[in-house]
PDB file of N, CA and C in Angstrom:
ATOM      1  N   MET A   1       4.089 -93.100 149.056  1.00  0.00           N
ATOM      2  CA  MET A   1       5.317 -92.233 148.962  1.00  0.00           C
ATOM      3  C   MET A   1       4.808 -91.596 150.500  1.00  0.00           C
ATOM      4  N   TYR A   2       5.525 -91.178 151.440  1.00  0.00           N
ATOM      5  CA  TYR A   2       5.258 -90.770 152.731  1.00  0.00           C
ATOM      6  C   TYR A   2       5.524 -89.411 153.195  1.00  0.00           C
ATOM      7  N   ILE A   3       5.079 -88.656 153.628  1.00  0.00           N
ATOM      8  CA  ILE A   3       4.994 -87.528 154.112  1.00  0.00           C
ATOM      9  C   ILE A   3       4.306 -87.075 155.240  1.00  0.00           C
ATOM     10  N   THR A   4       5.536 -86.531 156.398  1.00  0.00           N
ATOM     11  CA  THR A   4       4.946 -86.783 157.854  1.00  0.00           C
ATOM     12  C   THR A   4       4.717 -87.633 158.167  1.00  0.00           C
ATOM     13  N   GLY A   5       4.897 -88.685 157.986  1.00  0.00           N
ATOM     14  CA  GLY A   5       4.573 -89.724 158.479  1.00  0.00           C
ATOM     15  C   GLY A   5       3.522 -90.726 158.060  1.00  0.00           C
ATOM     16  N   GLU A   6       2.707 -89.935 157.132  1.00  0.00           N
ATOM     17  CA  GLU A   6       1.460 -90.284 156.405  1.00  0.00           C
ATOM     18  C   GLU A   6       1.630 -91.279 155.312  1.00  0.00           C
ATOM     19  N   LYS A   7       1.263 -92.275 154.858  1.00  0.00           N
ATOM     20  CA  LYS A   7       0.666 -92.688 153.677  1.00  0.00           C
ATOM     21  C   LYS A   7       0.283 -91.527 152.834  1.00  0.00           C
ATOM     22  N   ARG A   8       0.688 -91.681 151.631  1.00  0.00           N
ATOM     23  CA  ARG A   8      -0.098 -90.567 150.775  1.00  0.00           C
ATOM     24  C   ARG A   8      -0.360 -91.489 149.645  1.00  0.00           C
ATOM     25  N   LYS A   9      -1.700 -91.278 148.968  1.00  0.00           N
ATOM     26  CA  LYS A   9      -2.395 -91.942 147.755  1.00  0.00           C
ATOM     27  C   LYS A   9      -1.763 -91.568 146.462  1.00  0.00           C
ATOM     28  N   PRO A  10      -1.460 -92.226 145.357  1.00  0.00           N
ATOM     29  CA  PRO A  10      -0.923 -91.553 144.479  1.00  0.00           C
ATOM     30  C   PRO A  10      -2.381 -90.925 143.736  1.00  0.00           C
ATOM     31  N   SER A  11      -1.613 -89.369 143.506  1.00  0.00           N
ATOM     32  CA  SER A  11      -2.844 -88.912 142.772  1.00  0.00           C
ATOM     33  C   SER A  11      -3.675 -89.634 141.764  1.00  0.00           C
ATOM     34  N   MET A  12      -4.575 -89.102 141.628  1.00  0.00           N
ATOM     35  CA  MET A  12      -5.912 -89.756 140.595  1.00  0.00           C
ATOM     36  C   MET A  12      -6.335 -88.733 139.214  1.00  0.00           C
ATOM     37  N   PRO A  13      -5.720 -89.138 138.398  1.00  0.00           N
ATOM     38  CA  PRO A  13      -6.034 -88.528 137.249  1.00  0.00           C
ATOM     39  C   PRO A  13      -7.638 -87.847 137.323  1.00  0.00           C
ATOM     40  N   ASN A  14      -8.123 -86.394 136.515  1.00  0.00           N
ATOM     41  CA  ASN A  14      -9.086 -85.758 136.108  1.00  0.00           C
ATOM     42  C   ASN A  14     -10.011 -86.479 135.968  1.00  0.00           C
ATOM     43  N   LYS A  15     -11.659 -86.794 136.264  1.00  0.00           N
ATOM     44  CA  LYS A  15     -12.233 -87.400 135.697  1.00  0.00           C
ATOM     45  C   LYS A  15     -12.735 -87.006 134.325  1.00  0.00           C
ATOM     46  N   SER A  16     -12.855 -86.062 134.528  1.00  0.00           N
ATOM     47  CA  SER A  16     -13.389 -85.295 133.154  1.00  0.00           C
ATOM     48  C   SER A  16     -12.254 -85.798 131.918  1.00  0.00           C
ATOM     49  N   LYS A  17     -10.605 -85.398 132.229  1.00  0.00           N
ATOM     50  CA  LYS A  17     -10.106 -85.642 131.450  1.00  0.00           C
ATOM     51  C   LYS A  17      -9.866 -87.233 130.864  1.00  0.00           C
ATOM     52  N   ALA A  18      -9.968 -88.074 132.037  1.00  0.00           N
ATOM     53  CA  ALA A  18     -10.013 -89.366 131.470  1.00  0.00           C
ATOM     54  C   ALA A  18     -11.096 -89.468 130.758  1.00  0.00           C
ATOM     55  N   LYS A  19     -12.333 -89.261 130.849  1.00  0.00           N
ATOM     56  CA  LYS A  19     -13.907 -89.338 130.310  1.00  0.00           C
ATOM     57  C   LYS A  19     -13.244 -88.919 128.969  1.00  0.00           C
ATOM     58  N   GLY A  20     -12.582 -87.697 128.757  1.00  0.00           N
ATOM     59  CA  GLY A  20     -12.036 -87.292 127.437  1.00  0.00           C
ATOM     60  C   GLY A  20     -11.537 -88.118 126.960  1.00  0.00           C
ATOM     61  N   ASN A  21     -10.244 -88.154 127.284  1.00  0.00           N
ATOM     62  CA  ASN A  21      -9.295 -89.280 126.590  1.00  0.00           C
ATOM     63  C   ASN A  21     -10.313 -90.742 126.024  1.00  0.00           C
ATOM     64  N   ARG A  22     -10.979 -91.149 127.053  1.00  0.00           N
ATOM     65  CA  ARG A  22     -11.839 -92.344 126.497  1.00  0.00           C
ATOM     66  C   ARG A  22     -12.651 -91.901 125.103  1.00  0.00           C
ATOM     67  N   PHE A  23     -13.193 -91.027 125.299  1.00  0.00           N
ATOM     68  CA  PHE A  23     -13.861 -90.903 124.074  1.00  0.00           C
ATOM     69  C   PHE A  23     -12.770 -90.531 122.491  1.00  0.00           C
ATOM     70  N   GLU A  24     -11.717 -89.675 122.750  1.00  0.00           N
ATOM     71  CA  GLU A  24     -11.155 -89.856 121.607  1.00  0.00           C
ATOM     72  C   GLU A  24     -10.474 -91.002 120.935  1.00  0.00           C
ATOM     73  N   ARG A  25     -10.292 -91.829 122.582  1.00  0.00           N
ATOM     74  CA  ARG A  25      -9.703 -93.268 121.365  1.00  0.00           C
ATOM     75  C   ARG A  25     -10.913 -93.972 121.337  1.00  0.00           C
ATOM     76  N   LEU A  26     -12.039 -93.779 121.515  1.00  0.00           N
ATOM     77  CA  LEU A  26     -13.440 -94.006 120.507  1.00  0.00           C
ATOM     78  C   LEU A  26     -13.394 -93.731 119.342  1.00  0.00           C
ATOM     79  N   ILE A  27     -13.329 -92.618 119.160  1.00  0.00           N
ATOM     80  CA  ILE A  27     -13.065 -92.407 118.194  1.00  0.00           C
ATOM     81  C   ILE A  27     -12.453 -92.318 117.007  1.00  0.00           C
ATOM     82  N   VAL A  28     -10.946 -92.921 117.645  1.00  0.00           N
ATOM     83  CA  VAL A  28     -10.097 -93.112 116.755  1.00  0.00           C
ATOM     84  C   VAL A  28     -10.347 -94.618 116.592  1.00  0.00           C
ATOM     85  N   ASP A  29     -10.556 -95.494 117.155  1.00  0.00           N
ATOM     86  CA  ASP A  29     -11.341 -96.668 117.186  1.00  0.00           C
ATOM     87  C   ASP A  29     -12.479 -96.722 115.772  1.00  0.00           C
ATOM     88  N   ILE A  30     -13.277 -96.198 116.098  1.00  0.00           N
ATOM     89  CA  ILE A  30     -14.147 -96.419 115.312  1.00  0.00           C
ATOM     90  C   ILE A  30     -13.889 -95.887 113.768  1.00  0.00           C
ATOM     91  N   ALA A  31     -12.715 -94.772 113.489  1.00  0.00           N
ATOM     92  CA  ALA A  31     -12.535 -94.249 111.924  1.00  0.00           C
ATOM     93  C   ALA A  31     -11.468 -95.485 111.954  1.00  0.00           C
ATOM     94  N   LYS A  32     -10.781 -96.432 112.439  1.00  0.00           N
ATOM     95  CA  LYS A  32     -10.007 -97.382 112.333  1.00  0.00           C
ATOM     96  C   LYS A  32     -10.573 -98.131 111.735  1.00  0.00           C
ATOM     97  N   ASP A  33     -11.801 -98.938 112.350  1.00  0.00           N
ATOM     98  CA  ASP A  33     -12.645-100.193 111.813  1.00  0.00           C
ATOM     99  C   ASP A  33     -13.207 -99.501 110.620  1.00  0.00           C
ATOM    100  N   LYS A  34     -13.528 -98.683 110.156  1.00  0.00           N
ATOM    101  CA  LYS A  34     -14.193 -98.087 108.890  1.00  0.00           C
ATOM    102  C   LYS A  34     -13.019 -97.444 107.985  1.00  0.00           C
ATOM    103  N   GLY A  35     -11.750 -97.893 108.071  1.00  0.00           N
ATOM    104  CA  GLY A  35     -10.488 -97.987 107.140  1.00  0.00           C
ATOM    105  C   GLY A  35      -9.727 -96.687 107.264  1.00  0.00           C
ATOM    106  N   TYR A  36     -10.440 -95.889 108.028  1.00  0.00           N
ATOM    107  CA  TYR A  36      -9.582 -94.399 108.023  1.00  0.00           C
ATOM    108  C   TYR A  36      -8.147 -94.446 109.088  1.00  0.00           C
ATOM    109  N   GLU A  37      -7.039 -93.959 108.233  1.00  0.00           N
ATOM    110  CA  GLU A  37      -6.002 -93.428 109.121  1.00  0.00           C
ATOM    111  C   GLU A  37      -6.332 -92.310 109.909  1.00  0.00           C
ATOM    112  N   SER A  38      -6.340 -92.734 111.746  1.00  0.00           N
ATOM    113  CA  SER A  38      -6.690 -92.060 112.733  1.00  0.00           C
ATOM    114  C   SER A  38      -5.717 -91.956 113.918  1.00  0.00           C
ATOM    115  N   LYS A  39      -5.162 -90.738 114.468  1.00  0.00           N
ATOM    116  CA  LYS A  39      -4.216 -90.478 115.312  1.00  0.00           C
ATOM    117  C   LYS A  39      -4.889 -89.710 116.485  1.00  0.00           C
ATOM    118  N   ARG A  40      -4.160 -89.730 117.832  1.00  0.00           N
ATOM    119  CA  ARG A  40      -4.997 -88.967 118.645  1.00  0.00           C
ATOM    120  C   ARG A  40      -3.315 -87.942 118.786  1.00  0.00           C
ATOM    121  N   ALA A  41      -3.815 -87.218 119.292  1.00  0.00           N
ATOM    122  CA  ALA A  41      -2.885 -85.894 119.704  1.00  0.00           C
ATOM    123  C   ALA A  41      -2.257 -86.190 121.203  1.00  0.00           C
ATOM    124  N   TRP A  42      -1.165 -86.229 121.325  1.00  0.00           N
ATOM    125  CA  TRP A  42      -0.554 -86.543 122.880  1.00  0.00           C
ATOM    126  C   TRP A  42      -1.374 -85.283 123.811  1.00  0.00           C
ATOM    127  N   GLY A  43      -2.010 -85.965 125.025  1.00  0.00           N
ATOM    128  CA  GLY A  43      -2.417 -85.061 125.740  1.00  0.00           C
ATOM    129  C   GLY A  43      -3.469 -84.014 124.980  1.00  0.00           C
ATOM    130  N   SER A  44      -3.857 -84.502 124.296  1.00  0.00           N
ATOM    131  CA  SER A  44      -5.121 -83.650 123.302  1.00  0.00           C
ATOM    132  C   SER A  44      -4.837 -82.205 123.122  1.00  0.00           C
ATOM    133  N   ASP A  45      -3.303 -82.020 122.396  1.00  0.00           N
ATOM    134  CA  ASP A  45      -2.912 -80.775 122.071  1.00  0.00           C
ATOM    135  C   ASP A  45      -2.500 -81.406 120.903  1.00  0.00           C
ATOM    136  N   GLY A  46      -3.125 -80.295 120.244  1.00  0.00           N
ATOM    137  CA  GLY A  46      -2.755 -80.703 118.555  1.00  0.00           C
ATOM    138  C   GLY A  46      -1.142 -80.051 117.971  1.00  0.00           C
ATOM    139  N   ARG A  47      -0.762 -79.664 118.885  1.00  0.00           N
ATOM    140  CA  ARG A  47       0.752 -79.234 118.862  1.00  0.00           C
ATOM    141  C   ARG A  47       1.775 -80.243 118.852  1.00  0.00           C
ATOM    142  N   SER A  48       1.337 -81.293 119.819  1.00  0.00           N
ATOM    143  CA  SER A  48       2.029 -82.833 118.880  1.00  0.00           C
ATOM    144  C   SER A  48       2.047 -83.280 118.369  1.00  0.00           C
ATOM    145  N   ILE A  49       1.127 -82.734 117.025  1.00  0.00           N
ATOM    146  CA  ILE A  49       1.017 -83.582 115.517  1.00  0.00           C
ATOM    147  C   ILE A  49       1.223 -82.318 114.652  1.00  0.00           C
ATOM    148  N   GLY A  50       1.637 -81.526 114.885  1.00  0.00           N
ATOM    149  CA  GLY A  50       1.729 -80.432 114.298  1.00  0.00           C
ATOM    150  C   GLY A  50       1.046 -79.669 113.780  1.00  0.00           C
ATOM    151  N   HIS A  51      -0.080 -79.621 114.783  1.00  0.00           N
ATOM    152  CA  HIS A  51      -1.443 -78.147 114.785  1.00  0.00           C
ATOM    153  C   HIS A  51      -1.879 -77.767 115.479  1.00  0.00           C
ATOM    154  N   HIS A  52      -2.982 -76.907 115.427  1.00  0.00           N
ATOM    155  CA  HIS A  52      -3.638 -75.762 116.650  1.00  0.00           C
ATOM    156  C   HIS A  52      -3.427 -76.723 117.945  1.00  0.00           C
ATOM    157  N   PRO A  53      -3.392 -76.211 119.046  1.00  0.00           N
ATOM    158  CA  PRO A  53      -3.719 -76.774 120.438  1.00  0.00           C
ATOM    159  C   PRO A  53      -4.647 -77.342 120.526  1.00  0.00           C
ATOM    160  N   GLU A  54      -6.144 -76.591 119.984  1.00  0.00           N
ATOM    161  CA  GLU A  54      -7.263 -77.044 119.837  1.00  0.00           C
ATOM    162  C   GLU A  54      -7.942 -78.409 119.053  1.00  0.00           C
ATOM    163  N   VAL A  55      -6.714 -78.851 118.441  1.00  0.00           N
ATOM    164  CA  VAL A  55      -7.093 -80.384 117.712  1.00  0.00           C
ATOM    165  C   VAL A  55      -6.837 -81.754 118.337  1.00  0.00           C
ATOM    166  N   ASP A  56      -7.750 -82.093 118.702  1.00  0.00           N
ATOM    167  CA  ASP A  56      -7.576 -83.392 119.861  1.00  0.00           C
ATOM    168  C   ASP A  56      -7.110 -84.766 118.684  1.00  0.00           C
ATOM    169  N   LEU A  57      -7.374 -84.816 117.761  1.00  0.00           N
ATOM    170  CA  LEU A  57      -7.121 -85.975 116.722  1.00  0.00           C
ATOM    171  C   LEU A  57      -7.104 -85.595 115.301  1.00  0.00           C
ATOM    172  N   LEU A  58      -6.457 -86.674 114.661  1.00  0.00           N
ATOM    173  CA  LEU A  58      -6.742 -86.678 112.948  1.00  0.00           C
ATOM    174  C   LEU A  58      -7.682 -87.782 112.622  1.00  0.00           C
ATOM    175  N   VAL A  59      -8.380 -87.726 111.498  1.00  0.00           N
ATOM    176  CA  VAL A  59      -9.239 -88.890 110.828  1.00  0.00           C
ATOM    177  C   VAL A  59      -9.016 -88.475 109.587  1.00  0.00           C
ATOM    178  N   ASN A  60      -7.946 -89.299 108.949  1.00  0.00           N
ATOM    179  CA  ASN A  60      -7.137 -88.934 107.637  1.00  0.00           C
ATOM    180  C   ASN A  60      -6.675 -87.263 107.658  1.00  0.00           C
ATOM    181  N   ALA A  61      -7.059 -86.351 106.587  1.00  0.00           N
ATOM    182  CA  ALA A  61      -6.860 -85.033 106.894  1.00  0.00           C
ATOM    183  C   ALA A  61      -7.354 -84.389 108.075  1.00  0.00           C
ATOM    184  N   PHE A  62      -8.809 -84.612 107.750  1.00  0.00           N
ATOM    185  CA  PHE A  62      -9.568 -83.960 108.992  1.00  0.00           C
ATOM    186  C   PHE A  62      -9.290 -83.724 110.707  1.00  0.00           C
ATOM    187  N   LYS A  63      -9.000 -82.773 110.771  1.00  0.00           N
ATOM    188  CA  LYS A  63      -8.366 -82.116 111.897  1.00  0.00           C
ATOM    189  C   LYS A  63     -10.180 -82.123 113.045  1.00  0.00           C
ATOM    190  N   VAL A  64      -9.838 -82.803 114.128  1.00  0.00           N
ATOM    191  CA  VAL A  64     -10.878 -83.238 115.050  1.00  0.00           C
ATOM    192  C   VAL A  64     -10.735 -82.663 116.090  1.00  0.00           C
ATOM    193  N   GLN A  65     -12.068 -81.846 116.932  1.00  0.00           N
ATOM    194  CA  GLN A  65     -11.980 -81.431 118.393  1.00  0.00           C
ATOM    195  C   GLN A  65     -12.762 -82.333 118.673  1.00  0.00           C
ATOM    196  N   ALA A  66     -12.824 -83.310 120.179  1.00  0.00           N
ATOM    197  CA  ALA A  66     -14.027 -84.023 120.403  1.00  0.00           C
ATOM    198  C   ALA A  66     -14.310 -83.451 121.554  1.00  0.00           C
ATOM    199  N   LYS A  67     -15.368 -83.466 121.912  1.00  0.00           N
ATOM    200  CA  LYS A  67     -16.140 -83.008 122.954  1.00  0.00           C
ATOM    201  C   LYS A  67     -17.215 -83.694 123.517  1.00  0.00           C
ATOM    202  N   CYS A  68     -17.054 -84.237 124.605  1.00  0.00           N
ATOM    203  CA  CYS A  68     -18.003 -85.124 125.388  1.00  0.00           C
ATOM    204  C   CYS A  68     -18.798 -84.694 126.820  1.00  0.00           C
ATOM    205  N   ARG A  69     -19.765 -84.728 126.708  1.00  0.00           N
ATOM    206  CA  ARG A  69     -20.976 -84.339 127.889  1.00  0.00           C
ATOM    207  C   ARG A  69     -21.712 -85.182 128.147  1.00  0.00           C
ATOM    208  N   LYS A  70     -22.001 -85.050 129.465  1.00  0.00           N
ATOM    209  CA  LYS A  70     -23.158 -86.135 130.214  1.00  0.00           C
ATOM    210  C   LYS A  70     -24.256 -86.213 129.526  1.00  0.00           C
ATOM    211  N   LYS A  71     -25.407 -84.968 129.173  1.00  0.00           N
ATOM    212  CA  LYS A  71     -26.217 -85.480 128.200  1.00  0.00           C
ATOM    213  C   LYS A  71     -26.008 -84.263 127.482  1.00  0.00           C
ATOM    214  N   LEU A  72     -26.569 -84.586 126.307  1.00  0.00           N
ATOM    215  CA  LEU A  72     -26.510 -83.572 124.870  1.00  0.00           C
ATOM    216  C   LEU A  72     -28.182 -83.176 125.570  1.00  0.00           C
ATOM    217  N   PRO A  73     -28.523 -81.907 124.999  1.00  0.00           N
ATOM    218  CA  PRO A  73     -29.964 -81.583 124.578  1.00  0.00           C
ATOM    219  C   PRO A  73     -30.537 -82.090 123.777  1.00  0.00           C
ATOM    220  N   SER A  74     -31.996 -82.474 123.918  1.00  0.00           N
ATOM    221  CA  SER A  74     -31.985 -83.504 122.794  1.00  0.00           C
ATOM    222  C   SER A  74     -33.311 -83.028 121.601  1.00  0.00           C
ATOM    223  N   TYR A  75     -32.712 -81.850 121.661  1.00  0.00           N
ATOM    224  CA  TYR A  75     -33.424 -80.958 120.269  1.00  0.00           C
ATOM    225  C   TYR A  75     -31.829 -81.005 119.602  1.00  0.00           C
ATOM    226  N   ILE A  76     -30.531 -81.289 119.986  1.00  0.00           N
ATOM    227  CA  ILE A  76     -29.692 -81.513 118.895  1.00  0.00           C
ATOM    228  C   ILE A  76     -29.457 -82.867 118.575  1.00  0.00           C
ATOM    229  N   ILE A  77     -29.550 -84.077 119.308  1.00  0.00           N
ATOM    230  CA  ILE A  77     -29.659 -85.156 118.950  1.00  0.00           C
ATOM    231  C   ILE A  77     -30.839 -85.680 117.416  1.00  0.00           C
ATOM    232  N   PRO A  78     -30.423 -86.032 116.286  1.00  0.00           N
ATOM    233  CA  PRO A  78     -31.070 -86.474 115.260  1.00  0.00           C
ATOM    234  C   PRO A  78     -32.045 -86.999 115.457  1.00  0.00           C
ATOM    235  N   ASN A  79     -33.314 -87.164 115.401  1.00  0.00           N
ATOM    236  CA  ASN A  79     -34.365 -88.297 115.433  1.00  0.00           C
ATOM    237  C   ASN A  79     -34.031 -89.333 114.574  1.00  0.00           C
ATOM    238  N   GLU A  80     -34.678 -90.288 114.760  1.00  0.00           N
ATOM    239  CA  GLU A  80     -34.459 -91.568 114.038  1.00  0.00           C
ATOM    240  C   GLU A  80     -34.722 -91.691 113.205  1.00  0.00           C
ATOM    241  N   ASN A  81     -35.654 -90.670 112.456  1.00  0.00           N
ATOM    242  CA  ASN A  81     -36.472 -90.653 111.169  1.00  0.00           C
ATOM    243  C   ASN A  81     -35.877 -89.823 110.045  1.00  0.00           C
ATOM    244  N   VAL A  82     -34.626 -89.144 110.484  1.00  0.00           N
ATOM    245  CA  VAL A  82     -33.944 -88.122 109.568  1.00  0.00           C
ATOM    246  C   VAL A  82     -32.454 -88.560 109.497  1.00  0.00           C
ATOM    247  N   ASP A  83     -31.651 -88.233 108.569  1.00  0.00           N
ATOM    248  CA  ASP A  83     -30.473 -88.965 108.358  1.00  0.00           C
ATOM    249  C   ASP A  83     -29.495 -87.831 109.093  1.00  0.00           C
ATOM    250  N   TRP A  84     -29.757 -86.660 108.729  1.00  0.00           N
ATOM    251  CA  TRP A  84     -28.935 -86.012 109.714  1.00  0.00           C
ATOM    252  C   TRP A  84     -29.551 -84.469 110.482  1.00  0.00           C
ATOM    253  N   GLN A  85     -29.422 -83.964 110.989  1.00  0.00           N
ATOM    254  CA  GLN A  85     -29.933 -82.671 111.484  1.00  0.00           C
ATOM    255  C   GLN A  85     -29.002 -81.423 111.131  1.00  0.00           C
ATOM    256  N   VAL A  86     -30.111 -80.377 110.860  1.00  0.00           N
ATOM    257  CA  VAL A  86     -28.921 -78.881 110.484  1.00  0.00           C
ATOM    258  C   VAL A  86     -29.437 -78.152 111.590  1.00  0.00           C
ATOM    259  N   ILE A  87     -28.811 -77.524 112.228  1.00  0.00           N
ATOM    260  CA  ILE A  87     -28.691 -76.196 113.073  1.00  0.00           C
ATOM    261  C   ILE A  87     -28.002 -75.259 113.243  1.00  0.00           C
ATOM    262  N   LYS A  88     -28.475 -74.041 113.553  1.00  0.00           N
ATOM    263  CA  LYS A  88     -27.634 -73.087 113.276  1.00  0.00           C
ATOM    264  C   LYS A  88     -28.417 -71.977 114.901  1.00  0.00           C
ATOM    265  N   GLU A  89     -27.141 -71.314 115.313  1.00  0.00           N
ATOM    266  CA  GLU A  89     -27.758 -69.901 116.000  1.00  0.00           C
ATOM    267  C   GLU A  89     -28.083 -68.988 115.432  1.00  0.00           C
ATOM    268  N   ASP A  90     -29.180 -68.031 116.157  1.00  0.00           N
ATOM    269  CA  ASP A  90     -29.433 -66.381 115.284  1.00  0.00           C
ATOM    270  C   ASP A  90     -28.356 -66.036 114.975  1.00  0.00           C
ATOM    271  N   ARG A  91     -27.866 -65.423 113.764  1.00  0.00           N
ATOM    272  CA  ARG A  91     -26.982 -64.897 112.939  1.00  0.00           C
ATOM    273  C   ARG A  91     -25.586 -65.908 113.185  1.00  0.00           C
ATOM    274  N   GLY A  92     -25.787 -66.972 113.331  1.00  0.00           N
ATOM    275  CA  GLY A  92     -24.659 -67.860 113.630  1.00  0.00           C
ATOM    276  C   GLY A  92     -24.415 -68.579 112.271  1.00  0.00           C
ATOM    277  N   LYS A  93     -23.398 -69.212 111.974  1.00  0.00           N
ATOM    278  CA  LYS A  93     -22.847 -70.614 111.087  1.00  0.00           C
ATOM    279  C   LYS A  93     -24.062 -71.754 111.273  1.00  0.00           C
ATOM    280  N   VAL A  94     -23.970 -72.615 110.090  1.00  0.00           N
ATOM    281  CA  VAL A  94     -25.270 -73.681 109.932  1.00  0.00           C
ATOM    282  C   VAL A  94     -24.105 -74.612 109.900  1.00  0.00           C
ATOM    283  N   TYR A  95     -24.340 -75.885 110.989  1.00  0.00           N
ATOM    284  CA  TYR A  95     -24.041 -77.049 111.424  1.00  0.00           C
ATOM    285  C   TYR A  95     -24.755 -78.214 111.251  1.00  0.00           C
ATOM    286  N   VAL A  96     -24.328 -79.443 110.927  1.00  0.00           N
ATOM    287  CA  VAL A  96     -24.938 -80.641 110.685  1.00  0.00           C
ATOM    288  C   VAL A  96     -24.451 -81.626 111.758  1.00  0.00           C
ATOM    289  N   VAL A  97     -25.766 -82.213 112.416  1.00  0.00           N
ATOM    290  CA  VAL A  97     -25.139 -82.979 113.460  1.00  0.00           C
ATOM    291  C   VAL A  97     -25.681 -84.696 112.953  1.00  0.00           C
ATOM    292  N   LEU A  98     -25.037 -85.598 112.944  1.00  0.00           N
ATOM    293  CA  LEU A  98     -25.190 -86.872 111.898  1.00  0.00           C
ATOM    294  C   LEU A  98     -24.361 -87.721 113.138  1.00  0.00           C
ATOM    295  N   GLU A  99     -24.981 -89.037 113.112  1.00  0.00           N
ATOM    296  CA  GLU A  99     -23.672 -90.594 113.824  1.00  0.00           C
ATOM    297  C   GLU A  99     -22.508 -90.200 113.165  1.00  0.00           C
ATOM    298  N   PHE A 100     -21.606 -90.435 114.063  1.00  0.00           N
ATOM    299  CA  PHE A 100     -20.186 -90.202 113.453  1.00  0.00           C
ATOM    300  C   PHE A 100     -19.877 -91.374 112.623  1.00  0.00           C
ATOM    301  N   GLY A 101     -20.450 -92.276 112.611  1.00  0.00           N
ATOM    302  CA  GLY A 101     -20.081 -93.889 111.582  1.00  0.00           C
ATOM    303  C   GLY A 101     -20.480 -93.443 110.248  1.00  0.00           C
ATOM    304  N   LYS A 102     -22.147 -92.825 110.527  1.00  0.00           N
ATOM    305  CA  LYS A 102     -22.733 -92.331 108.695  1.00  0.00           C
ATOM    306  C   LYS A 102     -22.123 -91.250 108.612  1.00  0.00           C
ATOM    307  N   PHE A 103     -21.418 -90.139 109.533  1.00  0.00           N
ATOM    308  CA  PHE A 103     -20.538 -89.418 108.533  1.00  0.00           C
ATOM    309  C   PHE A 103     -19.198 -90.256 107.635  1.00  0.00           C
ATOM    310  N   LEU A 104     -18.873 -90.965 108.639  1.00  0.00           N
ATOM    311  CA  LEU A 104     -17.303 -91.706 108.076  1.00  0.00           C
ATOM    312  C   LEU A 104     -17.777 -92.275 106.828  1.00  0.00           C
ATOM    313  N   ASP A 105     -18.873 -93.181 106.852  1.00  0.00           N
ATOM    314  CA  ASP A 105     -19.607 -93.644 105.496  1.00  0.00           C
ATOM    315  C   ASP A 105     -19.639 -92.703 104.528  1.00  0.00           C
ATOM    316  N   LEU A 106     -20.109 -91.530 104.674  1.00  0.00           N
ATOM    317  CA  LEU A 106     -20.294 -90.550 103.699  1.00  0.00           C
ATOM    318  C   LEU A 106     -19.444 -90.073 103.173  1.00  0.00           C
ATOM    319  N   ILE A 107     -18.048 -89.856 103.663  1.00  0.00           N
ATOM    320  CA  ILE A 107     -17.219 -88.660 102.948  1.00  0.00           C
ATOM    321  C   ILE A 107     -16.215 -90.044 102.480  1.00  0.00           C
ATOM    322  N   LYS A 108     -16.568 -91.029 102.754  1.00  0.00           N
ATOM    323  CA  LYS A 108     -15.428 -92.324 101.867  1.00  0.00           C
ATOM    324  C   LYS A 108     -15.341 -92.093 100.323  1.00  0.00           C
TER     325      LYS A 108
END
């Protein structure tokens, strides 16, 4: 494409969005390898698969939002000596952190 005689590079996708898309595909691939039906929402928008916009993908009937960060705080990552880690913020809900493959094995 030319604008005022200069050649213009095609626009590159947002690097963060590309990283998120790769992560979503990884989740789908891991789930499929473990025998689960898995599907990404087009454009990471759950409305494309009939769900809330925050839903990024489905693993069987589970609605999943995928978040990929450059580095997670070390206190969130479970120690190799435990099966999972339970976390909570003050006056907040309780969450479980575990490796995705182990989670899929657990719910089978």
